[in-house]
Structure formats: C-alpha cells, structure tokens
Amino acid sequence: MSNTEPAELGEGHSPAAWTAVVIMLIGFAAGTLFFWFDQPWGVWVSAGVVLIGLIAGGVMKKAGYGVDGPKFVPKHHSE
C-alpha cells in the first residue's frame, strides 16, 4: 500500500458540466412528455436537444470551462 494520498479528482462541478447536464435534462424531460402524448416528432427533437447538450458541454470544456480548465475557478467549501 502507498502512503501517498490520492489526488483530488473533484466531482465535475464546472460550468461546462452543469450546462451540459441542464440542457440534457431539459431534453429528457421534454422527450418524456412528447412520448407520453404520442408525439414522435417531439421525441426526436428532444433527442436532438440531448445531443446538443452533450456537444455544448464538450465545446465549453475545450474552451476552458471544464474542470482544471484555465477559465474555471473552483469554489472551496468549508468543512
């Protein structure tokens, strides 16, 4: 066993992650409603929104807003 402490990986609390999750959550919620009301076109549009959320998160990460990105400032919580 090693006596070194593992590196703090964080929990993904970054603007890129939150943006992706919120957009995808909206897509899933809308898709569920469209599925419930038997609107196939809405389900497919919602699937597109989920993909847009995934792409937006990736683009924001590449732009530096991901964890350990140059534009991300982590908030430290008091324990």
PDB file of N, CA and C in Angstrom:
ATOM      1  N   MET A   1       0.834  -1.190   0.000  1.00  0.00           N
ATOM      2  CA  MET A   1       0.000   0.000   0.000  1.00  0.00           C
ATOM      3  C   MET A   1       0.873   1.245   0.000  1.00  0.00           C
ATOM      4  N   SER A   2       0.351   2.257  -0.557  1.00  0.00           N
ATOM      5  CA  SER A   2       1.074   3.513  -0.667  1.00  0.00           C
ATOM      6  C   SER A   2       0.670   4.448   0.466  1.00  0.00           C
ATOM      7  N   ASN A   3       1.610   5.251   0.904  1.00  0.00           N
ATOM      8  CA  ASN A   3       1.327   6.240   1.947  1.00  0.00           C
ATOM      9  C   ASN A   3       0.913   7.581   1.362  1.00  0.00           C
ATOM     10  N   THR A   4       0.884   7.682   0.057  1.00  0.00           N
ATOM     11  CA  THR A   4       0.501   8.943  -0.568  1.00  0.00           C
ATOM     12  C   THR A   4      -1.016   9.033  -0.655  1.00  0.00           C
ATOM     13  N   GLU A   5      -1.492  10.241  -0.530  1.00  0.00           N
ATOM     14  CA  GLU A   5      -2.936  10.460  -0.623  1.00  0.00           C
ATOM     15  C   GLU A   5      -3.328  10.540  -2.090  1.00  0.00           C
ATOM     16  N   PRO A   6      -4.495   9.993  -2.440  1.00  0.00           N
ATOM     17  CA  PRO A   6      -4.920  10.084  -3.843  1.00  0.00           C
ATOM     18  C   PRO A   6      -5.217  11.529  -4.226  1.00  0.00           C
ATOM     19  N   ALA A   7      -4.994  11.836  -5.467  1.00  0.00           N
ATOM     20  CA  ALA A   7      -5.261  13.193  -5.959  1.00  0.00           C
ATOM     21  C   ALA A   7      -6.752  13.472  -5.912  1.00  0.00           C
ATOM     22  N   GLU A   8      -7.092  14.688  -5.568  1.00  0.00           N
ATOM     23  CA  GLU A   8      -8.499  15.099  -5.538  1.00  0.00           C
ATOM     24  C   GLU A   8      -8.983  15.253  -6.971  1.00  0.00           C
ATOM     25  N   LEU A   9      -9.905  14.391  -7.372  1.00  0.00           N
ATOM     26  CA  LEU A   9     -10.392  14.425  -8.745  1.00  0.00           C
ATOM     27  C   LEU A   9     -11.548  15.386  -8.930  1.00  0.00           C
ATOM     28  N   GLY A  10     -12.164  15.818  -7.853  1.00  0.00           N
ATOM     29  CA  GLY A  10     -13.317  16.696  -7.968  1.00  0.00           C
ATOM     30  C   GLY A  10     -14.554  15.910  -8.341  1.00  0.00           C
ATOM     31  N   GLU A  11     -15.648  16.580  -8.448  1.00  0.00           N
ATOM     32  CA  GLU A  11     -16.912  15.928  -8.766  1.00  0.00           C
ATOM     33  C   GLU A  11     -17.517  16.462 -10.055  1.00  0.00           C
ATOM     34  N   GLY A  12     -16.720  17.134 -10.841  1.00  0.00           N
ATOM     35  CA  GLY A  12     -17.219  17.633 -12.113  1.00  0.00           C
ATOM     36  C   GLY A  12     -18.051  18.894 -12.005  1.00  0.00           C
ATOM     37  N   HIS A  13     -17.906  19.629 -10.906  1.00  0.00           N
ATOM     38  CA  HIS A  13     -18.664  20.870 -10.748  1.00  0.00           C
ATOM     39  C   HIS A  13     -17.984  21.972 -11.548  1.00  0.00           C
ATOM     40  N   SER A  14     -18.351  22.075 -12.806  1.00  0.00           N
ATOM     41  CA  SER A  14     -17.784  23.102 -13.671  1.00  0.00           C
ATOM     42  C   SER A  14     -18.904  23.677 -14.523  1.00  0.00           C
ATOM     43  N   PRO A  15     -18.711  24.880 -15.035  1.00  0.00           N
ATOM     44  CA  PRO A  15     -19.740  25.448 -15.914  1.00  0.00           C
ATOM     45  C   PRO A  15     -20.044  24.552 -17.114  1.00  0.00           C
ATOM     46  N   ALA A  16     -19.032  23.902 -17.667  1.00  0.00           N
ATOM     47  CA  ALA A  16     -19.258  23.019 -18.816  1.00  0.00           C
ATOM     48  C   ALA A  16     -20.147  21.844 -18.427  1.00  0.00           C
ATOM     49  N   ALA A  17     -19.855  21.231 -17.289  1.00  0.00           N
ATOM     50  CA  ALA A  17     -20.639  20.074 -16.854  1.00  0.00           C
ATOM     51  C   ALA A  17     -22.073  20.472 -16.528  1.00  0.00           C
ATOM     52  N   TRP A  18     -22.236  21.561 -15.800  1.00  0.00           N
ATOM     53  CA  TRP A  18     -23.589  21.981 -15.430  1.00  0.00           C
ATOM     54  C   TRP A  18     -24.407  22.376 -16.655  1.00  0.00           C
ATOM     55  N   THR A  19     -23.793  23.055 -17.596  1.00  0.00           N
ATOM     56  CA  THR A  19     -24.510  23.435 -18.819  1.00  0.00           C
ATOM     57  C   THR A  19     -24.971  22.200 -19.575  1.00  0.00           C
ATOM     58  N   ALA A  20     -24.073  21.234 -19.734  1.00  0.00           N
ATOM     59  CA  ALA A  20     -24.428  20.003 -20.440  1.00  0.00           C
ATOM     60  C   ALA A  20     -25.557  19.271 -19.732  1.00  0.00           C
ATOM     61  N   VAL A  21     -25.466  19.155 -18.417  1.00  0.00           N
ATOM     62  CA  VAL A  21     -26.481  18.416 -17.658  1.00  0.00           C
ATOM     63  C   VAL A  21     -27.838  19.106 -17.731  1.00  0.00           C
ATOM     64  N   VAL A  22     -27.868  20.422 -17.599  1.00  0.00           N
ATOM     65  CA  VAL A  22     -29.148  21.140 -17.632  1.00  0.00           C
ATOM     66  C   VAL A  22     -29.805  21.011 -19.010  1.00  0.00           C
ATOM     67  N   ILE A  23     -29.030  21.196 -20.075  1.00  0.00           N
ATOM     68  CA  ILE A  23     -29.599  21.075 -21.423  1.00  0.00           C
ATOM     69  C   ILE A  23     -30.111  19.660 -21.657  1.00  0.00           C
ATOM     70  N   MET A  24     -29.322  18.651 -21.260  1.00  0.00           N
ATOM     71  CA  MET A  24     -29.750  17.268 -21.470  1.00  0.00           C
ATOM     72  C   MET A  24     -30.955  16.913 -20.607  1.00  0.00           C
ATOM     73  N   LEU A  25     -31.022  17.446 -19.393  1.00  0.00           N
ATOM     74  CA  LEU A  25     -32.180  17.198 -18.530  1.00  0.00           C
ATOM     75  C   LEU A  25     -33.452  17.772 -19.147  1.00  0.00           C
ATOM     76  N   ILE A  26     -33.347  18.962 -19.716  1.00  0.00           N
ATOM     77  CA  ILE A  26     -34.499  19.554 -20.409  1.00  0.00           C
ATOM     78  C   ILE A  26     -34.901  18.675 -21.591  1.00  0.00           C
ATOM     79  N   GLY A  27     -33.922  18.180 -22.337  1.00  0.00           N
ATOM     80  CA  GLY A  27     -34.212  17.301 -23.466  1.00  0.00           C
ATOM     81  C   GLY A  27     -34.901  16.015 -23.037  1.00  0.00           C
ATOM     82  N   PHE A  28     -34.414  15.391 -21.966  1.00  0.00           N
ATOM     83  CA  PHE A  28     -35.037  14.161 -21.476  1.00  0.00           C
ATOM     84  C   PHE A  28     -36.451  14.413 -20.963  1.00  0.00           C
ATOM     85  N   ALA A  29     -36.631  15.515 -20.238  1.00  0.00           N
ATOM     86  CA  ALA A  29     -37.966  15.827 -19.711  1.00  0.00           C
ATOM     87  C   ALA A  29     -38.951  16.089 -20.849  1.00  0.00           C
ATOM     88  N   ALA A  30     -38.531  16.872 -21.824  1.00  0.00           N
ATOM     89  CA  ALA A  30     -39.410  17.148 -22.961  1.00  0.00           C
ATOM     90  C   ALA A  30     -39.687  15.872 -23.748  1.00  0.00           C
ATOM     91  N   GLY A  31     -38.664  15.049 -23.938  1.00  0.00           N
ATOM     92  CA  GLY A  31     -38.847  13.792 -24.651  1.00  0.00           C
ATOM     93  C   GLY A  31     -39.826  12.868 -23.954  1.00  0.00           C
ATOM     94  N   THR A  32     -39.771  12.852 -22.630  1.00  0.00           N
ATOM     95  CA  THR A  32     -40.710  12.036 -21.861  1.00  0.00           C
ATOM     96  C   THR A  32     -42.135  12.526 -22.066  1.00  0.00           C
ATOM     97  N   LEU A  33     -42.328  13.832 -22.028  1.00  0.00           N
ATOM     98  CA  LEU A  33     -43.672  14.381 -22.244  1.00  0.00           C
ATOM     99  C   LEU A  33     -44.169  14.104 -23.663  1.00  0.00           C
ATOM    100  N   PHE A  34     -43.303  14.296 -24.641  1.00  0.00           N
ATOM    101  CA  PHE A  34     -43.712  14.019 -26.023  1.00  0.00           C
ATOM    102  C   PHE A  34     -44.029  12.539 -26.217  1.00  0.00           C
ATOM    103  N   PHE A  35     -43.268  11.668 -25.575  1.00  0.00           N
ATOM    104  CA  PHE A  35     -43.544  10.236 -25.664  1.00  0.00           C
ATOM    105  C   PHE A  35     -44.891   9.921 -25.024  1.00  0.00           C
ATOM    106  N   TRP A  36     -45.148  10.547 -23.872  1.00  0.00           N
ATOM    107  CA  TRP A  36     -46.406  10.337 -23.152  1.00  0.00           C
ATOM    108  C   TRP A  36     -47.609  10.758 -24.002  1.00  0.00           C
ATOM    109  N   PHE A  37     -47.466  11.877 -24.716  1.00  0.00           N
ATOM    110  CA  PHE A  37     -48.554  12.392 -25.545  1.00  0.00           C
ATOM    111  C   PHE A  37     -48.505  11.865 -26.981  1.00  0.00           C
ATOM    112  N   ASP A  38     -47.682  10.841 -27.214  1.00  0.00           N
ATOM    113  CA  ASP A  38     -47.610  10.154 -28.506  1.00  0.00           C
ATOM    114  C   ASP A  38     -47.307  11.121 -29.652  1.00  0.00           C
ATOM    115  N   GLN A  39     -46.239  11.876 -29.481  1.00  0.00           N
ATOM    116  CA  GLN A  39     -45.776  12.833 -30.493  1.00  0.00           C
ATOM    117  C   GLN A  39     -44.352  12.441 -30.913  1.00  0.00           C
ATOM    118  N   PRO A  40     -44.223  11.534 -31.884  1.00  0.00           N
ATOM    119  CA  PRO A  40     -42.886  11.047 -32.255  1.00  0.00           C
ATOM    120  C   PRO A  40     -41.930  12.143 -32.719  1.00  0.00           C
ATOM    121  N   TRP A  41     -42.433  13.147 -33.410  1.00  0.00           N
ATOM    122  CA  TRP A  41     -41.557  14.223 -33.870  1.00  0.00           C
ATOM    123  C   TRP A  41     -40.919  14.928 -32.680  1.00  0.00           C
ATOM    124  N   GLY A  42     -41.691  15.114 -31.603  1.00  0.00           N
ATOM    125  CA  GLY A  42     -41.165  15.773 -30.411  1.00  0.00           C
ATOM    126  C   GLY A  42     -40.117  14.939 -29.698  1.00  0.00           C
ATOM    127  N   VAL A  43     -40.305  13.620 -29.733  1.00  0.00           N
ATOM    128  CA  VAL A  43     -39.311  12.730 -29.127  1.00  0.00           C
ATOM    129  C   VAL A  43     -37.983  12.869 -29.868  1.00  0.00           C
ATOM    130  N   TRP A  44     -38.037  12.907 -31.195  1.00  0.00           N
ATOM    131  CA  TRP A  44     -36.809  13.036 -31.983  1.00  0.00           C
ATOM    132  C   TRP A  44     -36.164  14.409 -31.811  1.00  0.00           C
ATOM    133  N   VAL A  45     -36.972  15.448 -31.727  1.00  0.00           N
ATOM    134  CA  VAL A  45     -36.418  16.788 -31.475  1.00  0.00           C
ATOM    135  C   VAL A  45     -35.747  16.818 -30.103  1.00  0.00           C
ATOM    136  N   SER A  46     -36.383  16.188 -29.125  1.00  0.00           N
ATOM    137  CA  SER A  46     -35.809  16.134 -27.779  1.00  0.00           C
ATOM    138  C   SER A  46     -34.502  15.351 -27.763  1.00  0.00           C
ATOM    139  N   ALA A  47     -34.435  14.288 -28.557  1.00  0.00           N
ATOM    140  CA  ALA A  47     -33.174  13.544 -28.670  1.00  0.00           C
ATOM    141  C   ALA A  47     -32.085  14.448 -29.244  1.00  0.00           C
ATOM    142  N   GLY A  48     -32.459  15.301 -30.176  1.00  0.00           N
ATOM    143  CA  GLY A  48     -31.514  16.274 -30.716  1.00  0.00           C
ATOM    144  C   GLY A  48     -31.051  17.263 -29.663  1.00  0.00           C
ATOM    145  N   VAL A  49     -31.964  17.676 -28.785  1.00  0.00           N
ATOM    146  CA  VAL A  49     -31.606  18.597 -27.701  1.00  0.00           C
ATOM    147  C   VAL A  49     -30.597  17.931 -26.764  1.00  0.00           C
ATOM    148  N   VAL A  50     -30.794  16.649 -26.484  1.00  0.00           N
ATOM    149  CA  VAL A  50     -29.842  15.922 -25.639  1.00  0.00           C
ATOM    150  C   VAL A  50     -28.458  15.913 -26.296  1.00  0.00           C
ATOM    151  N   LEU A  51     -28.409  15.664 -27.587  1.00  0.00           N
ATOM    152  CA  LEU A  51     -27.122  15.686 -28.296  1.00  0.00           C
ATOM    153  C   LEU A  51     -26.502  17.080 -28.292  1.00  0.00           C
ATOM    154  N   ILE A  52     -27.329  18.102 -28.424  1.00  0.00           N
ATOM    155  CA  ILE A  52     -26.830  19.483 -28.365  1.00  0.00           C
ATOM    156  C   ILE A  52     -26.215  19.759 -26.997  1.00  0.00           C
ATOM    157  N   GLY A  53     -26.843  19.257 -25.937  1.00  0.00           N
ATOM    158  CA  GLY A  53     -26.287  19.419 -24.592  1.00  0.00           C
ATOM    159  C   GLY A  53     -24.928  18.765 -24.459  1.00  0.00           C
ATOM    160  N   LEU A  54     -24.795  17.570 -25.016  1.00  0.00           N
ATOM    161  CA  LEU A  54     -23.518  16.864 -24.976  1.00  0.00           C
ATOM    162  C   LEU A  54     -22.447  17.637 -25.742  1.00  0.00           C
ATOM    163  N   ILE A  55     -22.810  18.136 -26.898  1.00  0.00           N
ATOM    164  CA  ILE A  55     -21.868  18.914 -27.711  1.00  0.00           C
ATOM    165  C   ILE A  55     -21.506  20.226 -27.013  1.00  0.00           C
ATOM    166  N   ALA A  56     -22.501  20.897 -26.427  1.00  0.00           N
ATOM    167  CA  ALA A  56     -22.239  22.171 -25.737  1.00  0.00           C
ATOM    168  C   ALA A  56     -21.267  21.971 -24.580  1.00  0.00           C
ATOM    169  N   GLY A  57     -21.445  20.898 -23.821  1.00  0.00           N
ATOM    170  CA  GLY A  57     -20.522  20.616 -22.723  1.00  0.00           C
ATOM    171  C   GLY A  57     -19.108  20.371 -23.221  1.00  0.00           C
ATOM    172  N   GLY A  58     -18.981  19.625 -24.310  1.00  0.00           N
ATOM    173  CA  GLY A  58     -17.659  19.361 -24.874  1.00  0.00           C
ATOM    174  C   GLY A  58     -16.989  20.613 -25.406  1.00  0.00           C
ATOM    175  N   VAL A  59     -17.767  21.459 -26.063  1.00  0.00           N
ATOM    176  CA  VAL A  59     -17.216  22.713 -26.594  1.00  0.00           C
ATOM    177  C   VAL A  59     -16.783  23.628 -25.449  1.00  0.00           C
ATOM    178  N   MET A  60     -17.607  23.704 -24.402  1.00  0.00           N
ATOM    179  CA  MET A  60     -17.237  24.550 -23.259  1.00  0.00           C
ATOM    180  C   MET A  60     -15.993  24.017 -22.552  1.00  0.00           C
ATOM    181  N   LYS A  61     -15.865  22.697 -22.480  1.00  0.00           N
ATOM    182  CA  LYS A  61     -14.667  22.112 -21.873  1.00  0.00           C
ATOM    183  C   LYS A  61     -13.433  22.476 -22.686  1.00  0.00           C
ATOM    184  N   LYS A  62     -13.541  22.362 -24.012  1.00  0.00           N
ATOM    185  CA  LYS A  62     -12.415  22.731 -24.886  1.00  0.00           C
ATOM    186  C   LYS A  62     -12.093  24.220 -24.780  1.00  0.00           C
ATOM    187  N   ALA A  63     -13.113  25.042 -24.481  1.00  0.00           N
ATOM    188  CA  ALA A  63     -12.908  26.489 -24.353  1.00  0.00           C
ATOM    189  C   ALA A  63     -12.326  26.867 -22.992  1.00  0.00           C
ATOM    190  N   GLY A  64     -12.142  25.878 -22.103  1.00  0.00           N
ATOM    191  CA  GLY A  64     -11.509  26.156 -20.819  1.00  0.00           C
ATOM    192  C   GLY A  64     -12.444  26.234 -19.640  1.00  0.00           C
ATOM    193  N   TYR A  65     -13.708  25.896 -19.812  1.00  0.00           N
ATOM    194  CA  TYR A  65     -14.664  25.983 -18.719  1.00  0.00           C
ATOM    195  C   TYR A  65     -14.911  24.642 -18.030  1.00  0.00           C
ATOM    196  N   GLY A  66     -14.115  23.633 -18.352  1.00  0.00           N
ATOM    197  CA  GLY A  66     -14.222  22.337 -17.693  1.00  0.00           C
ATOM    198  C   GLY A  66     -13.376  22.314 -16.430  1.00  0.00           C
ATOM    199  N   VAL A  67     -13.438  21.197 -15.699  1.00  0.00           N
ATOM    200  CA  VAL A  67     -12.612  21.043 -14.506  1.00  0.00           C
ATOM    201  C   VAL A  67     -11.151  21.133 -14.929  1.00  0.00           C
ATOM    202  N   ASP A  68     -10.367  21.877 -14.188  1.00  0.00           N
ATOM    203  CA  ASP A  68      -8.949  22.133 -14.455  1.00  0.00           C
ATOM    204  C   ASP A  68      -8.716  22.977 -15.703  1.00  0.00           C
ATOM    205  N   GLY A  69      -9.762  23.586 -16.242  1.00  0.00           N
ATOM    206  CA  GLY A  69      -9.597  24.485 -17.380  1.00  0.00           C
ATOM    207  C   GLY A  69      -9.092  25.841 -16.905  1.00  0.00           C
ATOM    208  N   PRO A  70      -8.468  26.609 -17.778  1.00  0.00           N
ATOM    209  CA  PRO A  70      -7.908  27.901 -17.367  1.00  0.00           C
ATOM    210  C   PRO A  70      -8.961  28.944 -16.979  1.00  0.00           C
ATOM    211  N   LYS A  71     -10.194  28.788 -17.423  1.00  0.00           N
ATOM    212  CA  LYS A  71     -11.226  29.775 -17.108  1.00  0.00           C
ATOM    213  C   LYS A  71     -12.121  29.337 -15.958  1.00  0.00           C
ATOM    214  N   PHE A  72     -11.864  28.149 -15.395  1.00  0.00           N
ATOM    215  CA  PHE A  72     -12.689  27.607 -14.312  1.00  0.00           C
ATOM    216  C   PHE A  72     -12.059  27.942 -12.975  1.00  0.00           C
ATOM    217  N   VAL A  73     -12.832  28.575 -12.090  1.00  0.00           N
ATOM    218  CA  VAL A  73     -12.370  28.894 -10.746  1.00  0.00           C
ATOM    219  C   VAL A  73     -13.196  28.067  -9.765  1.00  0.00           C
ATOM    220  N   PRO A  74     -12.583  27.043  -9.147  1.00  0.00           N
ATOM    221  CA  PRO A  74     -13.358  26.199  -8.228  1.00  0.00           C
ATOM    222  C   PRO A  74     -13.716  26.954  -6.958  1.00  0.00           C
ATOM    223  N   LYS A  75     -14.882  26.626  -6.416  1.00  0.00           N
ATOM    224  CA  LYS A  75     -15.310  27.204  -5.146  1.00  0.00           C
ATOM    225  C   LYS A  75     -14.950  26.217  -4.047  1.00  0.00           C
ATOM    226  N   HIS A  76     -14.269  26.696  -3.040  1.00  0.00           N
ATOM    227  CA  HIS A  76     -13.872  25.822  -1.942  1.00  0.00           C
ATOM    228  C   HIS A  76     -14.917  25.905  -0.846  1.00  0.00           C
ATOM    229  N   HIS A  77     -15.346  24.745  -0.393  1.00  0.00           N
ATOM    230  CA  HIS A  77     -16.352  24.676   0.659  1.00  0.00           C
ATOM    231  C   HIS A  77     -15.663  24.510   2.003  1.00  0.00           C
ATOM    232  N   SER A  78     -16.194  25.157   3.009  1.00  0.00           N
ATOM    233  CA  SER A  78     -15.636  24.989   4.349  1.00  0.00           C
ATOM    234  C   SER A  78     -16.170  23.694   4.941  1.00  0.00           C
ATOM    235  N   GLU A  79     -15.288  22.994   5.629  1.00  0.00           N
ATOM    236  CA  GLU A  79     -15.700  21.714   6.214  1.00  0.00           C
ATOM    237  C   GLU A  79     -15.659  21.779   7.706  1.00  0.00           C
TER     238      GLU A  79
END
